[in-house]
Amino acid sequence: MNVAMWIVSGVLAALYLMAGFTKLVKTKQDLLAEPRMAWAGDFTSGQVKGIGAVEVAGAIGLVLPWLTGVAPILTPIAALGLALVQVGAAITHIRRGESATVPINLVLCALAVFVAVVRFGQL
């Protein structure tokens, strides 16, 4: 189970690092130029940067606390936070009529909840 947990945590962390850094580095106009990022038009630049910062912090929290043994409680908390990010993303996509994206949000949410439940159980 531990190997599976590290694989899931690592994949989620990589995905959230990439997504978060993209939101932090690119301007809102650059993001809007990508069709899959049209949702950013519903948010201010600061809100998009905030979402990116939450994703990067969550990605770090998925791996670093558990790996180092320093405050490992932060790992399942980070996983729950990322699950909530996906709930918000799914709501945004549904509201915008982008229902084709929602299954991806639900899978990422389920994986984050899986990490949270297992890591809370291992504390």
N, C-alpha and C. Protein backbone atom coordinates (compact mmCIF):
# COMPACT_ATOMS: atom_id res chain seq x y z
N MET A 1 0.83 -1.20 0.00
CA MET A 1 0.00 0.00 0.00
C MET A 1 0.87 1.26 0.00
N ASN A 2 1.99 1.22 0.70
CA ASN A 2 2.85 2.39 0.79
C ASN A 2 3.40 2.79 -0.58
N VAL A 3 3.76 1.79 -1.41
CA VAL A 3 4.27 2.11 -2.74
C VAL A 3 3.17 2.76 -3.58
N ALA A 4 1.98 2.21 -3.51
CA ALA A 4 0.86 2.79 -4.26
C ALA A 4 0.59 4.22 -3.79
N MET A 5 0.68 4.42 -2.49
CA MET A 5 0.42 5.76 -1.94
C MET A 5 1.45 6.77 -2.45
N TRP A 6 2.72 6.36 -2.50
CA TRP A 6 3.75 7.25 -3.00
C TRP A 6 3.56 7.54 -4.48
N ILE A 7 3.13 6.54 -5.24
CA ILE A 7 2.90 6.75 -6.67
C ILE A 7 1.76 7.74 -6.87
N VAL A 8 0.64 7.52 -6.19
CA VAL A 8 -0.50 8.43 -6.32
C VAL A 8 -0.12 9.82 -5.84
N SER A 9 0.55 9.91 -4.71
CA SER A 9 0.96 11.22 -4.17
C SER A 9 1.91 11.92 -5.14
N GLY A 10 2.85 11.18 -5.70
CA GLY A 10 3.82 11.77 -6.62
C GLY A 10 3.18 12.27 -7.91
N VAL A 11 2.26 11.47 -8.45
CA VAL A 11 1.57 11.89 -9.68
C VAL A 11 0.71 13.12 -9.41
N LEU A 12 -0.04 13.10 -8.31
CA LEU A 12 -0.85 14.27 -7.96
C LEU A 12 0.02 15.50 -7.74
N ALA A 13 1.11 15.33 -7.02
CA ALA A 13 2.00 16.47 -6.76
C ALA A 13 2.55 17.04 -8.07
N ALA A 14 2.96 16.17 -8.98
CA ALA A 14 3.50 16.65 -10.27
C ALA A 14 2.43 17.41 -11.05
N LEU A 15 1.21 16.87 -11.09
CA LEU A 15 0.13 17.53 -11.81
C LEU A 15 -0.19 18.90 -11.22
N TYR A 16 -0.28 18.95 -9.89
CA TYR A 16 -0.61 20.22 -9.24
C TYR A 16 0.53 21.22 -9.32
N LEU A 17 1.78 20.76 -9.27
CA LEU A 17 2.91 21.68 -9.44
C LEU A 17 2.87 22.32 -10.82
N MET A 18 2.66 21.50 -11.85
CA MET A 18 2.60 22.03 -13.21
C MET A 18 1.44 23.01 -13.38
N ALA A 19 0.26 22.61 -12.92
CA ALA A 19 -0.93 23.45 -13.06
C ALA A 19 -0.77 24.74 -12.25
N GLY A 20 -0.27 24.62 -11.03
CA GLY A 20 -0.11 25.78 -10.17
C GLY A 20 0.92 26.76 -10.70
N PHE A 21 2.08 26.24 -11.13
CA PHE A 21 3.11 27.13 -11.66
C PHE A 21 2.64 27.82 -12.93
N THR A 22 1.85 27.11 -13.74
CA THR A 22 1.31 27.74 -14.95
C THR A 22 0.46 28.95 -14.58
N LYS A 23 -0.40 28.78 -13.58
CA LYS A 23 -1.26 29.89 -13.16
C LYS A 23 -0.46 31.02 -12.51
N LEU A 24 0.63 30.69 -11.84
CA LEU A 24 1.44 31.71 -11.18
C LEU A 24 2.32 32.48 -12.17
N VAL A 25 2.81 31.81 -13.19
CA VAL A 25 3.79 32.41 -14.09
C VAL A 25 3.14 33.15 -15.26
N LYS A 26 2.07 32.59 -15.80
CA LYS A 26 1.44 33.19 -16.97
C LYS A 26 0.47 34.30 -16.55
N THR A 27 0.32 35.26 -17.44
CA THR A 27 -0.67 36.31 -17.20
C THR A 27 -2.06 35.73 -17.47
N LYS A 28 -3.05 36.44 -16.98
CA LYS A 28 -4.43 36.00 -17.22
C LYS A 28 -4.72 35.95 -18.71
N GLN A 29 -4.21 36.92 -19.46
CA GLN A 29 -4.42 36.95 -20.91
C GLN A 29 -3.77 35.74 -21.59
N ASP A 30 -2.59 35.35 -21.14
CA ASP A 30 -1.94 34.16 -21.69
C ASP A 30 -2.76 32.91 -21.39
N LEU A 31 -3.30 32.83 -20.19
CA LEU A 31 -4.13 31.69 -19.83
C LEU A 31 -5.39 31.64 -20.68
N LEU A 32 -6.00 32.78 -20.89
CA LEU A 32 -7.24 32.83 -21.68
C LEU A 32 -7.02 32.45 -23.14
N ALA A 33 -5.78 32.55 -23.61
CA ALA A 33 -5.47 32.16 -24.98
C ALA A 33 -5.55 30.65 -25.18
N GLU A 34 -5.51 29.90 -24.08
CA GLU A 34 -5.62 28.44 -24.15
C GLU A 34 -7.09 28.07 -23.94
N PRO A 35 -7.69 27.33 -24.88
CA PRO A 35 -9.13 27.01 -24.76
C PRO A 35 -9.52 26.30 -23.46
N ARG A 36 -8.66 25.45 -22.94
CA ARG A 36 -9.01 24.72 -21.71
C ARG A 36 -8.91 25.59 -20.46
N MET A 37 -8.43 26.81 -20.62
CA MET A 37 -8.30 27.73 -19.49
C MET A 37 -9.29 28.88 -19.57
N ALA A 38 -10.33 28.74 -20.38
CA ALA A 38 -11.31 29.81 -20.55
C ALA A 38 -11.99 30.18 -19.23
N TRP A 39 -12.04 29.25 -18.29
CA TRP A 39 -12.65 29.52 -16.98
C TRP A 39 -11.99 30.69 -16.27
N ALA A 40 -10.74 30.97 -16.59
CA ALA A 40 -10.01 32.04 -15.91
C ALA A 40 -10.67 33.39 -16.15
N GLY A 41 -11.46 33.50 -17.21
CA GLY A 41 -12.17 34.74 -17.48
C GLY A 41 -13.20 35.08 -16.42
N ASP A 42 -13.61 34.09 -15.65
CA ASP A 42 -14.60 34.31 -14.59
C ASP A 42 -13.97 34.81 -13.29
N PHE A 43 -12.64 34.89 -13.25
CA PHE A 43 -11.93 35.23 -12.02
C PHE A 43 -10.98 36.40 -12.27
N THR A 44 -10.65 37.12 -11.20
CA THR A 44 -9.66 38.18 -11.32
C THR A 44 -8.27 37.55 -11.44
N SER A 45 -7.32 38.35 -11.87
CA SER A 45 -5.94 37.85 -11.96
C SER A 45 -5.44 37.38 -10.60
N GLY A 46 -5.79 38.13 -9.55
CA GLY A 46 -5.38 37.75 -8.20
C GLY A 46 -5.98 36.42 -7.77
N GLN A 47 -7.22 36.19 -8.14
CA GLN A 47 -7.85 34.92 -7.78
C GLN A 47 -7.19 33.76 -8.51
N VAL A 48 -6.86 33.95 -9.79
CA VAL A 48 -6.19 32.89 -10.55
C VAL A 48 -4.82 32.61 -9.94
N LYS A 49 -4.08 33.66 -9.57
CA LYS A 49 -2.77 33.47 -8.92
C LYS A 49 -2.95 32.77 -7.57
N GLY A 50 -4.01 33.11 -6.86
CA GLY A 50 -4.29 32.45 -5.58
C GLY A 50 -4.57 30.97 -5.75
N ILE A 51 -5.33 30.62 -6.77
CA ILE A 51 -5.59 29.20 -7.05
C ILE A 51 -4.28 28.49 -7.36
N GLY A 52 -3.43 29.14 -8.15
CA GLY A 52 -2.13 28.56 -8.47
C GLY A 52 -1.27 28.35 -7.23
N ALA A 53 -1.28 29.34 -6.34
CA ALA A 53 -0.50 29.23 -5.10
C ALA A 53 -1.01 28.09 -4.22
N VAL A 54 -2.33 27.94 -4.16
CA VAL A 54 -2.92 26.85 -3.37
C VAL A 54 -2.51 25.50 -3.97
N GLU A 55 -2.52 25.41 -5.30
CA GLU A 55 -2.14 24.16 -5.94
C GLU A 55 -0.67 23.82 -5.69
N VAL A 56 0.20 24.81 -5.77
CA VAL A 56 1.63 24.56 -5.50
C VAL A 56 1.84 24.17 -4.04
N ALA A 57 1.22 24.89 -3.12
CA ALA A 57 1.35 24.56 -1.70
C ALA A 57 0.80 23.16 -1.42
N GLY A 58 -0.33 22.83 -2.03
CA GLY A 58 -0.90 21.49 -1.84
C GLY A 58 0.01 20.41 -2.38
N ALA A 59 0.62 20.66 -3.53
CA ALA A 59 1.54 19.67 -4.11
C ALA A 59 2.73 19.42 -3.19
N ILE A 60 3.28 20.48 -2.66
CA ILE A 60 4.40 20.35 -1.72
C ILE A 60 3.94 19.61 -0.47
N GLY A 61 2.75 19.96 0.01
CA GLY A 61 2.21 19.33 1.21
C GLY A 61 1.89 17.86 1.05
N LEU A 62 1.62 17.42 -0.18
CA LEU A 62 1.36 16.00 -0.42
C LEU A 62 2.58 15.14 -0.17
N VAL A 63 3.76 15.70 -0.39
CA VAL A 63 4.98 14.89 -0.36
C VAL A 63 5.92 15.24 0.78
N LEU A 64 6.26 16.50 0.90
CA LEU A 64 7.35 16.91 1.80
C LEU A 64 7.14 16.55 3.27
N PRO A 65 6.00 16.85 3.88
CA PRO A 65 5.86 16.53 5.31
C PRO A 65 5.98 15.03 5.59
N TRP A 66 5.37 14.22 4.74
CA TRP A 66 5.41 12.77 4.97
C TRP A 66 6.82 12.24 4.72
N LEU A 67 7.48 12.75 3.68
CA LEU A 67 8.82 12.30 3.33
C LEU A 67 9.83 12.63 4.42
N THR A 68 9.72 13.83 4.99
CA THR A 68 10.70 14.26 5.99
C THR A 68 10.34 13.84 7.41
N GLY A 69 9.06 13.51 7.62
CA GLY A 69 8.62 13.19 8.97
C GLY A 69 8.38 14.41 9.83
N VAL A 70 8.48 15.60 9.22
CA VAL A 70 8.24 16.85 9.94
C VAL A 70 6.78 17.24 9.70
N ALA A 71 6.00 17.23 10.76
CA ALA A 71 4.57 17.57 10.70
C ALA A 71 3.82 16.75 9.64
N PRO A 72 3.90 15.43 9.71
CA PRO A 72 3.25 14.59 8.69
C PRO A 72 1.73 14.75 8.63
N ILE A 73 1.12 15.33 9.65
CA ILE A 73 -0.32 15.60 9.62
C ILE A 73 -0.67 16.53 8.46
N LEU A 74 0.30 17.31 8.00
CA LEU A 74 0.04 18.24 6.90
C LEU A 74 -0.22 17.53 5.57
N THR A 75 0.28 16.31 5.41
CA THR A 75 0.07 15.60 4.15
C THR A 75 -1.41 15.28 3.91
N PRO A 76 -2.12 14.63 4.84
CA PRO A 76 -3.54 14.39 4.56
C PRO A 76 -4.37 15.67 4.53
N ILE A 77 -3.93 16.69 5.27
CA ILE A 77 -4.64 17.97 5.23
C ILE A 77 -4.48 18.61 3.84
N ALA A 78 -3.27 18.54 3.30
CA ALA A 78 -3.03 19.06 1.95
C ALA A 78 -3.87 18.29 0.93
N ALA A 79 -3.97 16.99 1.10
CA ALA A 79 -4.77 16.18 0.18
C ALA A 79 -6.24 16.59 0.23
N LEU A 80 -6.75 16.83 1.43
CA LEU A 80 -8.14 17.28 1.56
C LEU A 80 -8.32 18.66 0.91
N GLY A 81 -7.35 19.52 1.09
CA GLY A 81 -7.42 20.84 0.47
C GLY A 81 -7.46 20.75 -1.05
N LEU A 82 -6.66 19.86 -1.62
CA LEU A 82 -6.67 19.70 -3.07
C LEU A 82 -7.97 19.06 -3.55
N ALA A 83 -8.55 18.19 -2.73
CA ALA A 83 -9.86 17.63 -3.07
C ALA A 83 -10.90 18.76 -3.15
N LEU A 84 -10.83 19.69 -2.21
CA LEU A 84 -11.75 20.83 -2.23
C LEU A 84 -11.52 21.73 -3.44
N VAL A 85 -10.27 21.87 -3.85
CA VAL A 85 -9.97 22.63 -5.07
C VAL A 85 -10.69 21.99 -6.26
N GLN A 86 -10.67 20.67 -6.31
CA GLN A 86 -11.33 19.98 -7.43
C GLN A 86 -12.85 20.09 -7.36
N VAL A 87 -13.40 20.12 -6.17
CA VAL A 87 -14.85 20.34 -6.04
C VAL A 87 -15.19 21.71 -6.60
N GLY A 88 -14.41 22.71 -6.23
CA GLY A 88 -14.63 24.06 -6.76
C GLY A 88 -14.45 24.12 -8.27
N ALA A 89 -13.45 23.41 -8.78
CA ALA A 89 -13.23 23.38 -10.23
C ALA A 89 -14.41 22.73 -10.94
N ALA A 90 -14.90 21.63 -10.39
CA ALA A 90 -16.04 20.94 -11.00
C ALA A 90 -17.27 21.86 -11.02
N ILE A 91 -17.51 22.56 -9.93
CA ILE A 91 -18.65 23.48 -9.87
C ILE A 91 -18.50 24.58 -10.92
N THR A 92 -17.30 25.10 -11.04
CA THR A 92 -17.04 26.14 -12.04
C THR A 92 -17.30 25.62 -13.45
N HIS A 93 -16.80 24.43 -13.74
CA HIS A 93 -16.99 23.87 -15.09
C HIS A 93 -18.46 23.56 -15.37
N ILE A 94 -19.18 23.06 -14.39
CA ILE A 94 -20.60 22.79 -14.58
C ILE A 94 -21.35 24.08 -14.84
N ARG A 95 -21.04 25.10 -14.05
CA ARG A 95 -21.69 26.40 -14.20
C ARG A 95 -21.43 26.99 -15.59
N ARG A 96 -20.24 26.74 -16.13
CA ARG A 96 -19.86 27.27 -17.44
C ARG A 96 -20.32 26.37 -18.59
N GLY A 97 -20.94 25.24 -18.28
CA GLY A 97 -21.39 24.33 -19.33
C GLY A 97 -20.26 23.50 -19.92
N GLU A 98 -19.18 23.35 -19.17
CA GLU A 98 -18.01 22.58 -19.63
C GLU A 98 -18.01 21.20 -18.95
N SER A 99 -19.10 20.48 -19.12
CA SER A 99 -19.26 19.22 -18.40
C SER A 99 -18.27 18.14 -18.82
N ALA A 100 -17.64 18.27 -19.98
CA ALA A 100 -16.66 17.28 -20.41
C ALA A 100 -15.43 17.26 -19.51
N THR A 101 -15.17 18.35 -18.82
CA THR A 101 -14.01 18.45 -17.94
C THR A 101 -14.27 17.88 -16.55
N VAL A 102 -15.52 17.79 -16.17
CA VAL A 102 -15.88 17.39 -14.80
C VAL A 102 -15.36 15.99 -14.42
N PRO A 103 -15.39 14.99 -15.31
CA PRO A 103 -14.85 13.68 -14.90
C PRO A 103 -13.37 13.74 -14.46
N ILE A 104 -12.60 14.60 -15.10
CA ILE A 104 -11.19 14.76 -14.69
C ILE A 104 -11.14 15.32 -13.28
N ASN A 105 -11.97 16.33 -13.00
CA ASN A 105 -12.02 16.90 -11.66
C ASN A 105 -12.41 15.85 -10.63
N LEU A 106 -13.37 15.01 -10.97
CA LEU A 106 -13.83 13.98 -10.03
C LEU A 106 -12.77 12.92 -9.77
N VAL A 107 -12.01 12.55 -10.80
CA VAL A 107 -10.93 11.56 -10.62
C VAL A 107 -9.84 12.16 -9.73
N LEU A 108 -9.44 13.40 -10.00
CA LEU A 108 -8.41 14.04 -9.17
C LEU A 108 -8.90 14.20 -7.73
N CYS A 109 -10.17 14.52 -7.57
CA CYS A 109 -10.74 14.64 -6.23
C CYS A 109 -10.70 13.30 -5.51
N ALA A 110 -11.11 12.25 -6.20
CA ALA A 110 -11.12 10.91 -5.59
C ALA A 110 -9.71 10.47 -5.21
N LEU A 111 -8.72 10.75 -6.05
CA LEU A 111 -7.34 10.38 -5.73
C LEU A 111 -6.84 11.16 -4.50
N ALA A 112 -7.18 12.43 -4.43
CA ALA A 112 -6.77 13.24 -3.27
C ALA A 112 -7.44 12.74 -2.00
N VAL A 113 -8.71 12.38 -2.08
CA VAL A 113 -9.41 11.84 -0.91
C VAL A 113 -8.79 10.51 -0.50
N PHE A 114 -8.43 9.69 -1.47
CA PHE A 114 -7.75 8.42 -1.19
C PHE A 114 -6.46 8.65 -0.40
N VAL A 115 -5.65 9.60 -0.87
CA VAL A 115 -4.40 9.92 -0.16
C VAL A 115 -4.72 10.40 1.26
N ALA A 116 -5.70 11.26 1.40
CA ALA A 116 -6.04 11.78 2.73
C ALA A 116 -6.47 10.67 3.67
N VAL A 117 -7.36 9.81 3.22
CA VAL A 117 -7.87 8.75 4.08
C VAL A 117 -6.75 7.79 4.49
N VAL A 118 -5.94 7.38 3.54
CA VAL A 118 -4.86 6.43 3.87
C VAL A 118 -3.83 7.08 4.79
N ARG A 119 -3.43 8.32 4.47
CA ARG A 119 -2.41 8.98 5.30
C ARG A 119 -2.94 9.28 6.70
N PHE A 120 -4.21 9.67 6.83
CA PHE A 120 -4.76 9.87 8.17
C PHE A 120 -4.72 8.54 8.93
N GLY A 121 -5.00 7.44 8.25
CA GLY A 121 -4.96 6.13 8.88
C GLY A 121 -3.57 5.68 9.29
N GLN A 122 -2.55 6.23 8.63
CA GLN A 122 -1.18 5.84 8.93
C GLN A 122 -0.54 6.71 10.01
N LEU A 123 -1.21 7.74 10.48
CA LEU A 123 -0.65 8.62 11.51
C LEU A 123 -0.54 7.89 12.84
